Amino acid sequence: MNQIHKIAVLGGGGRTGLRLVNQLLDQGFQLKLLLRKPEDFKIQNPLIEIVKGDALDADVVEHLLEGCDAVISTVGQRKGEPLVASQATTNIINAVARRKNDSENFRYILLAGLNVDTPFDKKGIETQKATDWMKATFPDIHADRQKSYALLLASEVSWTMVRVPFIEFVETKGEIKINLADSPGSKISAADIAYFLIAQLTDETYVRKAPFISN
């Protein structure tokens, strides 16, 4: 796997994204952040380069990935706004495909809910209940995130989709449980999510896989 120095981040202004940004900075990575409202972003650091724009804009995403060795996305769906998951994934996959020489080694790591289904799942009662609730309550959002997974499968990108249960927005770090077939728990801290996402930059265990993680 190639050395990773500079990372593109989508969703860095969100509650999980902020923890991701801070942990990446603590590890000395250079960052290129895509922000719709840079004026609202409070973290100031010489390692950060800000790109103003939207993940729905293919040209902006292409510019974001220029000079980067990997991309991490914690983008979530905003209420009342256009569906973002599959379009952002499409834009990233296309931008990676146009890279010269290193497109297969470029890492794409993204966050998703436990409602996404894969052919390898053996979801237990609680995980299936949460999946069914999401499908019934937010069918369009669920379908859009499911489409993202299908797009990843059809691509040649070295991706990892990290599926999580209820997120606790705390700084506490604990034991991270990992399972490819079912969510091993009902909650996880945002700090642990950030830690696991960063670990995937250099860990090939879950390349082109969609692990569940929990505390």
N, C-alpha and C. Protein backbone atom coordinates (compact mmCIF):
# COMPACT_ATOMS: atom_id res chain seq x y z
N MET A 1 0.84 -1.19 0.00
CA MET A 1 0.00 0.00 0.00
C MET A 1 0.88 1.24 0.00
N ASN A 2 0.51 2.25 -0.78
CA ASN A 2 1.29 3.47 -0.87
C ASN A 2 1.32 4.22 0.45
N GLN A 3 2.39 5.03 0.62
CA GLN A 3 2.46 5.91 1.79
C GLN A 3 1.39 6.98 1.68
N ILE A 4 0.75 7.27 2.80
CA ILE A 4 -0.32 8.26 2.81
C ILE A 4 0.12 9.47 3.62
N HIS A 5 0.11 10.62 2.96
CA HIS A 5 0.53 11.87 3.60
C HIS A 5 -0.61 12.89 3.67
N LYS A 6 -1.36 12.99 2.58
CA LYS A 6 -2.41 14.01 2.51
C LYS A 6 -3.76 13.34 2.26
N ILE A 7 -4.75 13.74 3.05
CA ILE A 7 -6.05 13.08 3.02
C ILE A 7 -7.15 14.08 2.75
N ALA A 8 -8.01 13.75 1.79
CA ALA A 8 -9.22 14.54 1.53
C ALA A 8 -10.30 14.09 2.51
N VAL A 9 -11.03 15.05 3.07
CA VAL A 9 -12.07 14.73 4.05
C VAL A 9 -13.37 15.40 3.64
N LEU A 10 -14.43 14.60 3.55
CA LEU A 10 -15.78 15.12 3.34
C LEU A 10 -16.57 14.92 4.64
N GLY A 11 -17.33 15.92 5.03
CA GLY A 11 -18.09 15.82 6.26
C GLY A 11 -17.29 16.23 7.48
N GLY A 12 -16.16 16.90 7.28
CA GLY A 12 -15.30 17.27 8.39
C GLY A 12 -15.88 18.30 9.34
N GLY A 13 -16.97 18.94 8.95
CA GLY A 13 -17.61 19.91 9.82
C GLY A 13 -18.67 19.33 10.71
N GLY A 14 -18.99 18.05 10.52
CA GLY A 14 -20.02 17.39 11.33
C GLY A 14 -19.48 16.92 12.67
N ARG A 15 -20.36 16.38 13.50
CA ARG A 15 -19.94 16.01 14.86
C ARG A 15 -18.93 14.85 14.86
N THR A 16 -19.15 13.86 14.01
CA THR A 16 -18.16 12.79 13.89
C THR A 16 -16.96 13.29 13.09
N GLY A 17 -17.21 14.08 12.07
CA GLY A 17 -16.15 14.60 11.22
C GLY A 17 -15.15 15.45 11.98
N LEU A 18 -15.60 16.24 12.93
CA LEU A 18 -14.69 17.07 13.72
C LEU A 18 -13.73 16.22 14.53
N ARG A 19 -14.23 15.14 15.08
CA ARG A 19 -13.36 14.24 15.83
C ARG A 19 -12.36 13.57 14.90
N LEU A 20 -12.81 13.23 13.70
CA LEU A 20 -11.91 12.66 12.70
C LEU A 20 -10.80 13.64 12.34
N VAL A 21 -11.17 14.89 12.08
CA VAL A 21 -10.18 15.91 11.72
C VAL A 21 -9.16 16.09 12.83
N ASN A 22 -9.62 16.19 14.06
CA ASN A 22 -8.70 16.40 15.17
C ASN A 22 -7.74 15.23 15.35
N GLN A 23 -8.24 14.00 15.18
CA GLN A 23 -7.36 12.84 15.32
C GLN A 23 -6.35 12.76 14.17
N LEU A 24 -6.79 13.11 12.97
CA LEU A 24 -5.86 13.13 11.83
C LEU A 24 -4.76 14.16 12.04
N LEU A 25 -5.14 15.33 12.55
CA LEU A 25 -4.15 16.37 12.82
C LEU A 25 -3.18 15.92 13.91
N ASP A 26 -3.69 15.24 14.93
CA ASP A 26 -2.83 14.75 16.01
C ASP A 26 -1.79 13.77 15.48
N GLN A 27 -2.14 13.07 14.39
CA GLN A 27 -1.20 12.11 13.80
C GLN A 27 -0.32 12.74 12.71
N GLY A 28 -0.49 14.04 12.48
CA GLY A 28 0.40 14.76 11.59
C GLY A 28 0.06 14.71 10.12
N PHE A 29 -1.16 14.27 9.77
CA PHE A 29 -1.56 14.22 8.37
C PHE A 29 -1.87 15.63 7.85
N GLN A 30 -1.56 15.84 6.59
CA GLN A 30 -2.05 17.03 5.89
C GLN A 30 -3.48 16.75 5.43
N LEU A 31 -4.34 17.74 5.54
CA LEU A 31 -5.74 17.55 5.22
C LEU A 31 -6.23 18.55 4.19
N LYS A 32 -7.14 18.06 3.36
CA LYS A 32 -7.84 18.91 2.41
C LYS A 32 -9.33 18.71 2.69
N LEU A 33 -9.97 19.70 3.27
CA LEU A 33 -11.34 19.57 3.73
C LEU A 33 -12.33 20.21 2.76
N LEU A 34 -13.37 19.47 2.44
CA LEU A 34 -14.47 20.02 1.64
C LEU A 34 -15.53 20.55 2.60
N LEU A 35 -15.79 21.85 2.54
CA LEU A 35 -16.76 22.48 3.44
C LEU A 35 -17.70 23.38 2.65
N ARG A 36 -18.97 23.26 2.94
CA ARG A 36 -19.95 24.13 2.28
C ARG A 36 -19.91 25.53 2.88
N LYS A 37 -19.63 25.62 4.18
CA LYS A 37 -19.57 26.92 4.85
C LYS A 37 -18.27 27.02 5.65
N PRO A 38 -17.17 27.31 4.97
CA PRO A 38 -15.88 27.38 5.66
C PRO A 38 -15.85 28.39 6.80
N GLU A 39 -16.68 29.43 6.68
CA GLU A 39 -16.69 30.47 7.72
C GLU A 39 -17.18 29.94 9.07
N ASP A 40 -17.88 28.80 9.06
CA ASP A 40 -18.38 28.22 10.30
C ASP A 40 -17.40 27.22 10.92
N PHE A 41 -16.32 26.93 10.22
CA PHE A 41 -15.37 25.92 10.69
C PHE A 41 -14.36 26.58 11.62
N LYS A 42 -14.24 26.06 12.84
CA LYS A 42 -13.47 26.74 13.88
C LYS A 42 -12.02 26.25 14.03
N ILE A 43 -11.72 25.06 13.50
CA ILE A 43 -10.37 24.53 13.67
C ILE A 43 -9.40 25.26 12.72
N GLN A 44 -8.34 25.80 13.28
CA GLN A 44 -7.32 26.46 12.48
C GLN A 44 -6.00 25.73 12.67
N ASN A 45 -5.40 25.32 11.55
CA ASN A 45 -4.16 24.56 11.62
C ASN A 45 -3.46 24.66 10.27
N PRO A 46 -2.15 24.87 10.25
CA PRO A 46 -1.44 24.98 8.96
C PRO A 46 -1.47 23.70 8.13
N LEU A 47 -1.85 22.58 8.74
CA LEU A 47 -1.94 21.33 7.99
C LEU A 47 -3.24 21.22 7.20
N ILE A 48 -4.16 22.18 7.40
CA ILE A 48 -5.47 22.13 6.76
C ILE A 48 -5.54 23.04 5.56
N GLU A 49 -6.01 22.50 4.45
CA GLU A 49 -6.37 23.29 3.26
C GLU A 49 -7.88 23.11 3.06
N ILE A 50 -8.58 24.21 2.90
CA ILE A 50 -10.03 24.15 2.78
C ILE A 50 -10.47 24.37 1.34
N VAL A 51 -11.37 23.51 0.89
CA VAL A 51 -12.00 23.65 -0.43
C VAL A 51 -13.47 23.94 -0.18
N LYS A 52 -13.94 25.06 -0.69
CA LYS A 52 -15.35 25.40 -0.50
C LYS A 52 -16.18 24.75 -1.60
N GLY A 53 -17.26 24.08 -1.21
CA GLY A 53 -18.12 23.45 -2.21
C GLY A 53 -18.95 22.33 -1.63
N ASP A 54 -19.55 21.58 -2.52
CA ASP A 54 -20.52 20.55 -2.14
C ASP A 54 -20.10 19.21 -2.73
N ALA A 55 -20.34 18.14 -1.99
CA ALA A 55 -20.00 16.79 -2.46
C ALA A 55 -20.82 16.39 -3.67
N LEU A 56 -21.91 17.09 -3.94
CA LEU A 56 -22.74 16.80 -5.11
C LEU A 56 -22.12 17.34 -6.40
N ASP A 57 -21.13 18.19 -6.28
CA ASP A 57 -20.50 18.84 -7.43
C ASP A 57 -19.28 18.03 -7.86
N ALA A 58 -19.34 17.41 -9.02
CA ALA A 58 -18.27 16.52 -9.49
C ALA A 58 -16.95 17.27 -9.67
N ASP A 59 -17.00 18.48 -10.19
CA ASP A 59 -15.77 19.26 -10.40
C ASP A 59 -15.10 19.61 -9.08
N VAL A 60 -15.91 19.95 -8.09
CA VAL A 60 -15.36 20.28 -6.77
C VAL A 60 -14.70 19.06 -6.14
N VAL A 61 -15.35 17.91 -6.26
CA VAL A 61 -14.78 16.68 -5.70
C VAL A 61 -13.48 16.32 -6.40
N GLU A 62 -13.43 16.50 -7.71
CA GLU A 62 -12.19 16.23 -8.45
C GLU A 62 -11.06 17.13 -7.94
N HIS A 63 -11.37 18.39 -7.75
CA HIS A 63 -10.37 19.33 -7.22
C HIS A 63 -9.95 18.93 -5.81
N LEU A 64 -10.90 18.49 -5.01
CA LEU A 64 -10.62 18.08 -3.63
C LEU A 64 -9.59 16.96 -3.59
N LEU A 65 -9.72 15.99 -4.48
CA LEU A 65 -8.85 14.81 -4.45
C LEU A 65 -7.47 15.06 -5.04
N GLU A 66 -7.29 16.17 -5.74
CA GLU A 66 -6.00 16.48 -6.35
C GLU A 66 -4.92 16.61 -5.26
N GLY A 67 -3.84 15.86 -5.44
CA GLY A 67 -2.73 15.93 -4.50
C GLY A 67 -2.91 15.09 -3.24
N CYS A 68 -4.03 14.38 -3.14
CA CYS A 68 -4.30 13.56 -1.95
C CYS A 68 -4.01 12.09 -2.22
N ASP A 69 -3.76 11.36 -1.14
CA ASP A 69 -3.45 9.93 -1.23
C ASP A 69 -4.61 9.05 -0.80
N ALA A 70 -5.65 9.67 -0.20
CA ALA A 70 -6.81 8.92 0.28
C ALA A 70 -7.94 9.90 0.54
N VAL A 71 -9.15 9.37 0.68
CA VAL A 71 -10.30 10.20 1.02
C VAL A 71 -11.14 9.48 2.07
N ILE A 72 -11.55 10.24 3.08
CA ILE A 72 -12.45 9.71 4.11
C ILE A 72 -13.70 10.56 4.13
N SER A 73 -14.86 9.90 4.11
CA SER A 73 -16.14 10.63 4.10
C SER A 73 -17.01 10.23 5.27
N THR A 74 -17.45 11.24 6.03
CA THR A 74 -18.44 11.02 7.09
C THR A 74 -19.71 11.79 6.75
N VAL A 75 -19.90 12.08 5.47
CA VAL A 75 -21.06 12.85 5.03
C VAL A 75 -22.36 12.13 5.37
N GLY A 76 -23.27 12.84 5.99
CA GLY A 76 -24.59 12.31 6.29
C GLY A 76 -25.66 13.03 5.51
N GLN A 77 -26.86 12.49 5.52
CA GLN A 77 -27.97 13.11 4.79
C GLN A 77 -28.59 14.23 5.62
N ARG A 78 -28.66 15.42 5.05
CA ARG A 78 -29.30 16.54 5.73
C ARG A 78 -30.79 16.58 5.39
N LYS A 79 -31.59 16.85 6.40
CA LYS A 79 -33.04 16.88 6.24
C LYS A 79 -33.46 17.91 5.21
N GLY A 80 -34.30 17.47 4.27
CA GLY A 80 -34.86 18.37 3.28
C GLY A 80 -33.93 18.74 2.14
N GLU A 81 -32.76 18.10 2.08
CA GLU A 81 -31.80 18.41 1.02
C GLU A 81 -31.68 17.25 0.04
N PRO A 82 -31.11 17.50 -1.15
CA PRO A 82 -30.97 16.42 -2.15
C PRO A 82 -30.18 15.24 -1.59
N LEU A 83 -30.52 14.05 -2.05
CA LEU A 83 -29.81 12.84 -1.61
C LEU A 83 -28.33 12.96 -1.97
N VAL A 84 -27.48 12.65 -1.01
CA VAL A 84 -26.06 12.92 -1.21
C VAL A 84 -25.18 11.67 -1.32
N ALA A 85 -25.56 10.57 -0.69
CA ALA A 85 -24.65 9.43 -0.56
C ALA A 85 -24.18 8.87 -1.90
N SER A 86 -25.12 8.50 -2.77
CA SER A 86 -24.72 7.85 -4.02
C SER A 86 -24.04 8.83 -4.98
N GLN A 87 -24.49 10.09 -4.98
CA GLN A 87 -23.86 11.06 -5.88
C GLN A 87 -22.43 11.38 -5.43
N ALA A 88 -22.23 11.53 -4.13
CA ALA A 88 -20.88 11.76 -3.63
C ALA A 88 -19.97 10.58 -3.97
N THR A 89 -20.50 9.36 -3.78
CA THR A 89 -19.72 8.17 -4.11
C THR A 89 -19.40 8.11 -5.60
N THR A 90 -20.38 8.43 -6.43
CA THR A 90 -20.15 8.47 -7.87
C THR A 90 -19.04 9.47 -8.22
N ASN A 91 -19.12 10.65 -7.63
CA ASN A 91 -18.12 11.68 -7.91
C ASN A 91 -16.73 11.26 -7.48
N ILE A 92 -16.65 10.61 -6.32
CA ILE A 92 -15.34 10.16 -5.83
C ILE A 92 -14.79 9.04 -6.70
N ILE A 93 -15.63 8.05 -7.02
CA ILE A 93 -15.19 6.94 -7.87
C ILE A 93 -14.68 7.46 -9.22
N ASN A 94 -15.40 8.38 -9.83
CA ASN A 94 -15.00 8.92 -11.13
C ASN A 94 -13.71 9.71 -11.02
N ALA A 95 -13.56 10.47 -9.94
CA ALA A 95 -12.33 11.26 -9.76
C ALA A 95 -11.13 10.34 -9.55
N VAL A 96 -11.33 9.27 -8.79
CA VAL A 96 -10.24 8.31 -8.56
C VAL A 96 -9.87 7.60 -9.86
N ALA A 97 -10.87 7.26 -10.66
CA ALA A 97 -10.62 6.55 -11.93
C ALA A 97 -9.77 7.38 -12.89
N ARG A 98 -9.86 8.69 -12.77
CA ARG A 98 -9.09 9.56 -13.67
C ARG A 98 -7.67 9.83 -13.18
N ARG A 99 -7.34 9.34 -12.01
CA ARG A 99 -5.97 9.52 -11.51
C ARG A 99 -5.00 8.67 -12.33
N LYS A 100 -3.81 9.15 -12.49
CA LYS A 100 -2.82 8.44 -13.29
C LYS A 100 -2.01 7.49 -12.40
N ASN A 101 -1.93 6.26 -12.81
CA ASN A 101 -1.03 5.25 -12.25
C ASN A 101 -1.45 4.65 -10.90
N ASP A 102 -2.11 5.43 -10.03
CA ASP A 102 -2.31 4.95 -8.67
C ASP A 102 -3.77 4.80 -8.28
N SER A 103 -4.67 4.72 -9.26
CA SER A 103 -6.10 4.69 -8.94
C SER A 103 -6.48 3.47 -8.11
N GLU A 104 -5.83 2.32 -8.34
CA GLU A 104 -6.18 1.10 -7.60
C GLU A 104 -5.69 1.14 -6.16
N ASN A 105 -4.69 1.97 -5.87
CA ASN A 105 -4.13 2.04 -4.53
C ASN A 105 -4.75 3.16 -3.70
N PHE A 106 -5.46 4.06 -4.34
CA PHE A 106 -6.07 5.19 -3.65
C PHE A 106 -7.18 4.67 -2.73
N ARG A 107 -7.13 5.03 -1.44
CA ARG A 107 -8.08 4.51 -0.46
C ARG A 107 -9.29 5.42 -0.33
N TYR A 108 -10.47 4.83 -0.35
CA TYR A 108 -11.73 5.54 -0.13
C TYR A 108 -12.41 4.87 1.06
N ILE A 109 -12.54 5.61 2.15
CA ILE A 109 -13.14 5.08 3.38
C ILE A 109 -14.36 5.93 3.70
N LEU A 110 -15.50 5.28 3.91
CA LEU A 110 -16.72 6.04 4.15
C LEU A 110 -17.55 5.44 5.26
N LEU A 111 -18.33 6.29 5.89
CA LEU A 111 -19.17 5.90 7.01
C LEU A 111 -20.60 5.67 6.54
N ALA A 112 -21.25 4.66 7.10
CA ALA A 112 -22.65 4.35 6.75
C ALA A 112 -23.35 3.78 7.98
N GLY A 113 -24.67 3.69 7.90
CA GLY A 113 -25.45 3.09 8.98
C GLY A 113 -25.49 1.58 8.86
N LEU A 114 -25.94 0.94 9.94
CA LEU A 114 -26.00 -0.53 9.91
C LEU A 114 -27.12 -1.05 9.03
N ASN A 115 -27.96 -0.13 8.49
CA ASN A 115 -29.08 -0.56 7.63
C ASN A 115 -28.65 -0.99 6.24
N VAL A 116 -27.44 -0.64 5.82
CA VAL A 116 -26.96 -1.07 4.50
C VAL A 116 -26.82 -2.59 4.50
N ASP A 117 -27.32 -3.22 3.46
CA ASP A 117 -27.25 -4.67 3.33
C ASP A 117 -26.13 -5.08 2.38
N THR A 118 -25.46 -6.19 2.70
CA THR A 118 -24.49 -6.77 1.78
C THR A 118 -24.82 -8.26 1.62
N PRO A 119 -24.30 -8.90 0.58
CA PRO A 119 -24.56 -10.34 0.37
C PRO A 119 -23.97 -11.22 1.46
N PHE A 120 -23.10 -10.65 2.30
CA PHE A 120 -22.39 -11.45 3.29
C PHE A 120 -23.03 -11.33 4.69
N ASP A 121 -24.12 -10.58 4.78
CA ASP A 121 -24.74 -10.32 6.08
C ASP A 121 -25.49 -11.52 6.64
N LYS A 122 -25.45 -11.64 7.96
CA LYS A 122 -26.32 -12.54 8.71
C LYS A 122 -26.81 -11.74 9.91
N LYS A 123 -27.64 -10.75 9.62
CA LYS A 123 -28.06 -9.81 10.65
C LYS A 123 -28.93 -10.47 11.70
N GLY A 124 -28.62 -10.16 12.96
CA GLY A 124 -29.41 -10.66 14.06
C GLY A 124 -30.71 -9.88 14.20
N ILE A 125 -31.49 -10.23 15.20
CA ILE A 125 -32.82 -9.64 15.37
C ILE A 125 -32.75 -8.13 15.53
N GLU A 126 -31.87 -7.63 16.39
CA GLU A 126 -31.80 -6.19 16.65
C GLU A 126 -31.29 -5.41 15.43
N THR A 127 -30.29 -5.93 14.77
CA THR A 127 -29.77 -5.26 13.59
C THR A 127 -30.80 -5.24 12.47
N GLN A 128 -31.50 -6.36 12.30
CA GLN A 128 -32.53 -6.43 11.26
C GLN A 128 -33.69 -5.50 11.58
N LYS A 129 -34.02 -5.42 12.87
CA LYS A 129 -35.10 -4.52 13.28
C LYS A 129 -34.75 -3.07 12.94
N ALA A 130 -33.50 -2.68 13.22
CA ALA A 130 -33.05 -1.32 12.89
C ALA A 130 -33.03 -1.08 11.39
N THR A 131 -32.63 -2.11 10.65
CA THR A 131 -32.61 -2.01 9.18
C THR A 131 -34.02 -1.84 8.63
N ASP A 132 -34.94 -2.63 9.12
CA ASP A 132 -36.33 -2.55 8.65
C ASP A 132 -36.96 -1.21 9.00
N TRP A 133 -36.62 -0.69 10.17
CA TRP A 133 -37.15 0.63 10.58
C TRP A 133 -36.65 1.72 9.64
N MET A 134 -35.38 1.65 9.30
CA MET A 134 -34.82 2.66 8.40
C MET A 134 -35.46 2.56 7.02
N LYS A 135 -35.64 1.35 6.54
CA LYS A 135 -36.26 1.16 5.23
C LYS A 135 -37.69 1.71 5.20
N ALA A 136 -38.42 1.51 6.29
CA ALA A 136 -39.81 1.95 6.35
C ALA A 136 -39.95 3.45 6.59
N THR A 137 -39.05 3.99 7.41
CA THR A 137 -39.17 5.39 7.83
C THR A 137 -38.50 6.35 6.84
N PHE A 138 -37.35 5.97 6.33
CA PHE A 138 -36.60 6.81 5.39
C PHE A 138 -36.23 6.00 4.14
N PRO A 139 -37.23 5.57 3.37
CA PRO A 139 -36.95 4.66 2.25
C PRO A 139 -36.01 5.25 1.20
N ASP A 140 -36.15 6.54 0.92
CA ASP A 140 -35.29 7.15 -0.10
C ASP A 140 -33.84 7.23 0.36
N ILE A 141 -33.66 7.61 1.62
CA ILE A 141 -32.30 7.70 2.15
C ILE A 141 -31.66 6.32 2.21
N HIS A 142 -32.44 5.32 2.65
CA HIS A 142 -31.92 3.96 2.69
C HIS A 142 -31.53 3.48 1.29
N ALA A 143 -32.40 3.70 0.32
CA ALA A 143 -32.13 3.25 -1.05
C ALA A 143 -30.89 3.95 -1.62
N ASP A 144 -30.72 5.22 -1.28
CA ASP A 144 -29.57 5.97 -1.78
C ASP A 144 -28.27 5.43 -1.20
N ARG A 145 -28.28 5.13 0.08
CA ARG A 145 -27.08 4.56 0.70
C ARG A 145 -26.82 3.15 0.17
N GLN A 146 -27.87 2.39 -0.07
CA GLN A 146 -27.71 1.06 -0.64
C GLN A 146 -27.13 1.15 -2.05
N LYS A 147 -27.55 2.17 -2.79
CA LYS A 147 -27.00 2.40 -4.13
C LYS A 147 -25.50 2.68 -4.06
N SER A 148 -25.09 3.39 -3.02
CA SER A 148 -23.66 3.68 -2.84
C SER A 148 -22.86 2.39 -2.74
N TYR A 149 -23.40 1.44 -1.98
CA TYR A 149 -22.71 0.16 -1.83
C TYR A 149 -22.60 -0.55 -3.18
N ALA A 150 -23.68 -0.54 -3.96
CA ALA A 150 -23.66 -1.18 -5.28
C ALA A 150 -22.62 -0.51 -6.19
N LEU A 151 -22.53 0.81 -6.12
CA LEU A 151 -21.54 1.54 -6.93
C LEU A 151 -20.12 1.15 -6.53
N LEU A 152 -19.89 1.01 -5.25
CA LEU A 152 -18.56 0.60 -4.78
C LEU A 152 -18.20 -0.79 -5.28
N LEU A 153 -19.16 -1.72 -5.19
CA LEU A 153 -18.91 -3.08 -5.66
C LEU A 153 -18.54 -3.11 -7.14
N ALA A 154 -19.18 -2.25 -7.91
CA ALA A 154 -18.95 -2.24 -9.36
C ALA A 154 -17.67 -1.49 -9.74
N SER A 155 -17.07 -0.79 -8.80
CA SER A 155 -15.88 0.01 -9.08
C SER A 155 -14.61 -0.82 -8.88
N GLU A 156 -13.48 -0.21 -9.22
CA GLU A 156 -12.19 -0.84 -8.98
C GLU A 156 -11.43 -0.14 -7.86
N VAL A 157 -12.13 0.68 -7.10
CA VAL A 157 -11.53 1.46 -6.04
C VAL A 157 -11.26 0.59 -4.81
N SER A 158 -10.20 0.92 -4.06
CA SER A 158 -9.90 0.23 -2.81
C SER A 158 -10.69 0.91 -1.68
N TRP A 159 -11.95 0.52 -1.54
CA TRP A 159 -12.85 1.17 -0.60
C TRP A 159 -13.06 0.33 0.65
N THR A 160 -13.52 0.98 1.70
CA THR A 160 -14.02 0.32 2.90
C THR A 160 -15.22 1.11 3.38
N MET A 161 -16.38 0.46 3.49
CA MET A 161 -17.58 1.10 4.03
C MET A 161 -17.73 0.63 5.48
N VAL A 162 -17.65 1.56 6.40
CA VAL A 162 -17.73 1.23 7.82
C VAL A 162 -19.16 1.47 8.31
N ARG A 163 -19.81 0.39 8.75
CA ARG A 163 -21.22 0.48 9.18
C ARG A 163 -21.30 0.57 10.70
N VAL A 164 -22.09 1.54 11.18
CA VAL A 164 -22.13 1.79 12.62
C VAL A 164 -23.56 1.83 13.14
N PRO A 165 -23.76 1.48 14.42
CA PRO A 165 -25.06 1.61 15.07
C PRO A 165 -25.21 3.03 15.63
N PHE A 166 -25.97 3.19 16.70
CA PHE A 166 -26.20 4.50 17.33
C PHE A 166 -24.87 5.12 17.75
N ILE A 167 -24.67 6.40 17.37
CA ILE A 167 -23.42 7.09 17.67
C ILE A 167 -23.57 7.91 18.94
N GLU A 168 -22.65 7.70 19.88
CA GLU A 168 -22.57 8.53 21.09
C GLU A 168 -21.49 9.59 20.87
N PHE A 169 -21.87 10.85 20.98
CA PHE A 169 -20.92 11.92 20.68
C PHE A 169 -20.12 12.28 21.92
N VAL A 170 -19.20 11.37 22.25
CA VAL A 170 -18.33 11.53 23.41
C VAL A 170 -16.89 11.29 22.96
N GLU A 171 -15.96 11.75 23.80
CA GLU A 171 -14.54 11.59 23.48
C GLU A 171 -13.97 10.27 23.98
N THR A 172 -14.75 9.56 24.79
CA THR A 172 -14.28 8.32 25.39
C THR A 172 -13.98 7.27 24.33
N LYS A 173 -12.84 6.63 24.48
CA LYS A 173 -12.49 5.52 23.60
C LYS A 173 -12.57 4.21 24.37
N GLY A 174 -13.09 3.20 23.73
CA GLY A 174 -13.22 1.90 24.37
C GLY A 174 -12.79 0.79 23.42
N GLU A 175 -13.17 -0.43 23.76
CA GLU A 175 -12.88 -1.56 22.89
C GLU A 175 -13.77 -1.47 21.66
N ILE A 176 -13.19 -1.68 20.49
CA ILE A 176 -13.94 -1.68 19.25
C ILE A 176 -14.14 -3.12 18.80
N LYS A 177 -15.40 -3.50 18.68
CA LYS A 177 -15.73 -4.84 18.19
C LYS A 177 -16.04 -4.74 16.70
N ILE A 178 -15.60 -5.73 15.94
CA ILE A 178 -15.73 -5.71 14.49
C ILE A 178 -16.36 -7.02 14.02
N ASN A 179 -17.29 -6.91 13.07
CA ASN A 179 -17.93 -8.10 12.53
C ASN A 179 -18.39 -7.80 11.11
N LEU A 180 -18.21 -8.73 10.22
CA LEU A 180 -18.59 -8.51 8.82
C LEU A 180 -20.03 -8.91 8.53
N ALA A 181 -20.66 -9.65 9.44
CA ALA A 181 -21.99 -10.19 9.16
C ALA A 181 -23.11 -9.54 9.95
N ASP A 182 -22.80 -9.00 11.13
CA ASP A 182 -23.84 -8.45 12.00
C ASP A 182 -23.21 -7.42 12.93
N SER A 183 -23.99 -6.43 13.34
CA SER A 183 -23.48 -5.44 14.27
C SER A 183 -23.22 -6.10 15.63
N PRO A 184 -22.00 -6.00 16.16
CA PRO A 184 -21.68 -6.67 17.42
C PRO A 184 -22.16 -5.92 18.65
N GLY A 185 -22.80 -4.77 18.46
CA GLY A 185 -23.30 -4.00 19.59
C GLY A 185 -24.28 -2.95 19.11
N SER A 186 -24.85 -2.21 20.08
CA SER A 186 -25.91 -1.26 19.76
C SER A 186 -25.47 0.19 19.72
N LYS A 187 -24.20 0.47 20.06
CA LYS A 187 -23.74 1.85 20.05
C LYS A 187 -22.23 1.90 19.88
N ILE A 188 -21.74 3.09 19.54
CA ILE A 188 -20.30 3.31 19.42
C ILE A 188 -20.03 4.79 19.60
N SER A 189 -18.88 5.11 20.17
CA SER A 189 -18.53 6.52 20.36
C SER A 189 -17.98 7.11 19.07
N ALA A 190 -18.23 8.39 18.88
CA ALA A 190 -17.72 9.07 17.68
C ALA A 190 -16.19 9.04 17.65
N ALA A 191 -15.58 9.11 18.83
CA ALA A 191 -14.11 9.06 18.89
C ALA A 191 -13.59 7.73 18.38
N ASP A 192 -14.28 6.64 18.72
CA ASP A 192 -13.85 5.31 18.24
C ASP A 192 -14.10 5.15 16.74
N ILE A 193 -15.16 5.76 16.24
CA ILE A 193 -15.39 5.72 14.80
C ILE A 193 -14.23 6.38 14.08
N ALA A 194 -13.84 7.57 14.55
CA ALA A 194 -12.74 8.29 13.92
C ALA A 194 -11.46 7.45 13.96
N TYR A 195 -11.20 6.84 15.10
CA TYR A 195 -10.00 6.00 15.25
C TYR A 195 -10.01 4.86 14.24
N PHE A 196 -11.15 4.20 14.08
CA PHE A 196 -11.23 3.05 13.18
C PHE A 196 -11.10 3.50 11.73
N LEU A 197 -11.74 4.61 11.37
CA LEU A 197 -11.63 5.11 10.00
C LEU A 197 -10.18 5.39 9.64
N ILE A 198 -9.46 6.01 10.55
CA ILE A 198 -8.05 6.34 10.29
C ILE A 198 -7.22 5.07 10.16
N ALA A 199 -7.52 4.07 10.98
CA ALA A 199 -6.77 2.81 10.93
C ALA A 199 -6.87 2.14 9.57
N GLN A 200 -7.99 2.37 8.87
CA GLN A 200 -8.18 1.73 7.57
C GLN A 200 -7.28 2.30 6.48
N LEU A 201 -6.65 3.42 6.76
CA LEU A 201 -5.73 4.00 5.78
C LEU A 201 -4.54 3.07 5.51
N THR A 202 -4.14 2.31 6.51
CA THR A 202 -2.97 1.45 6.37
C THR A 202 -3.26 -0.03 6.60
N ASP A 203 -4.50 -0.35 6.98
CA ASP A 203 -4.88 -1.74 7.23
C ASP A 203 -5.67 -2.26 6.03
N GLU A 204 -5.18 -3.33 5.42
CA GLU A 204 -5.83 -3.87 4.22
C GLU A 204 -6.87 -4.95 4.55
N THR A 205 -7.10 -5.23 5.81
CA THR A 205 -8.01 -6.31 6.20
C THR A 205 -9.40 -6.14 5.61
N TYR A 206 -9.88 -4.90 5.57
CA TYR A 206 -11.26 -4.66 5.15
C TYR A 206 -11.37 -3.90 3.83
N VAL A 207 -10.36 -4.03 2.99
CA VAL A 207 -10.43 -3.42 1.66
C VAL A 207 -11.54 -4.10 0.86
N ARG A 208 -12.42 -3.31 0.28
CA ARG A 208 -13.57 -3.75 -0.50
C ARG A 208 -14.53 -4.60 0.35
N LYS A 209 -14.63 -4.23 1.63
CA LYS A 209 -15.55 -4.88 2.54
C LYS A 209 -16.31 -3.82 3.34
N ALA A 210 -17.37 -4.25 4.04
CA ALA A 210 -18.21 -3.32 4.79
C ALA A 210 -18.39 -3.82 6.22
N PRO A 211 -17.37 -3.66 7.06
CA PRO A 211 -17.46 -4.16 8.43
C PRO A 211 -18.44 -3.34 9.29
N PHE A 212 -19.09 -4.03 10.22
CA PHE A 212 -19.82 -3.36 11.30
C PHE A 212 -18.82 -3.12 12.43
N ILE A 213 -18.94 -1.99 13.12
CA ILE A 213 -18.15 -1.79 14.32
C ILE A 213 -19.05 -1.28 15.44
N SER A 214 -18.70 -1.60 16.67
CA SER A 214 -19.44 -1.10 17.83
C SER A 214 -18.53 -1.17 19.04
N ASN A 215 -18.97 -0.59 20.15
CA ASN A 215 -18.25 -0.73 21.42
C ASN A 215 -18.78 -1.95 22.15
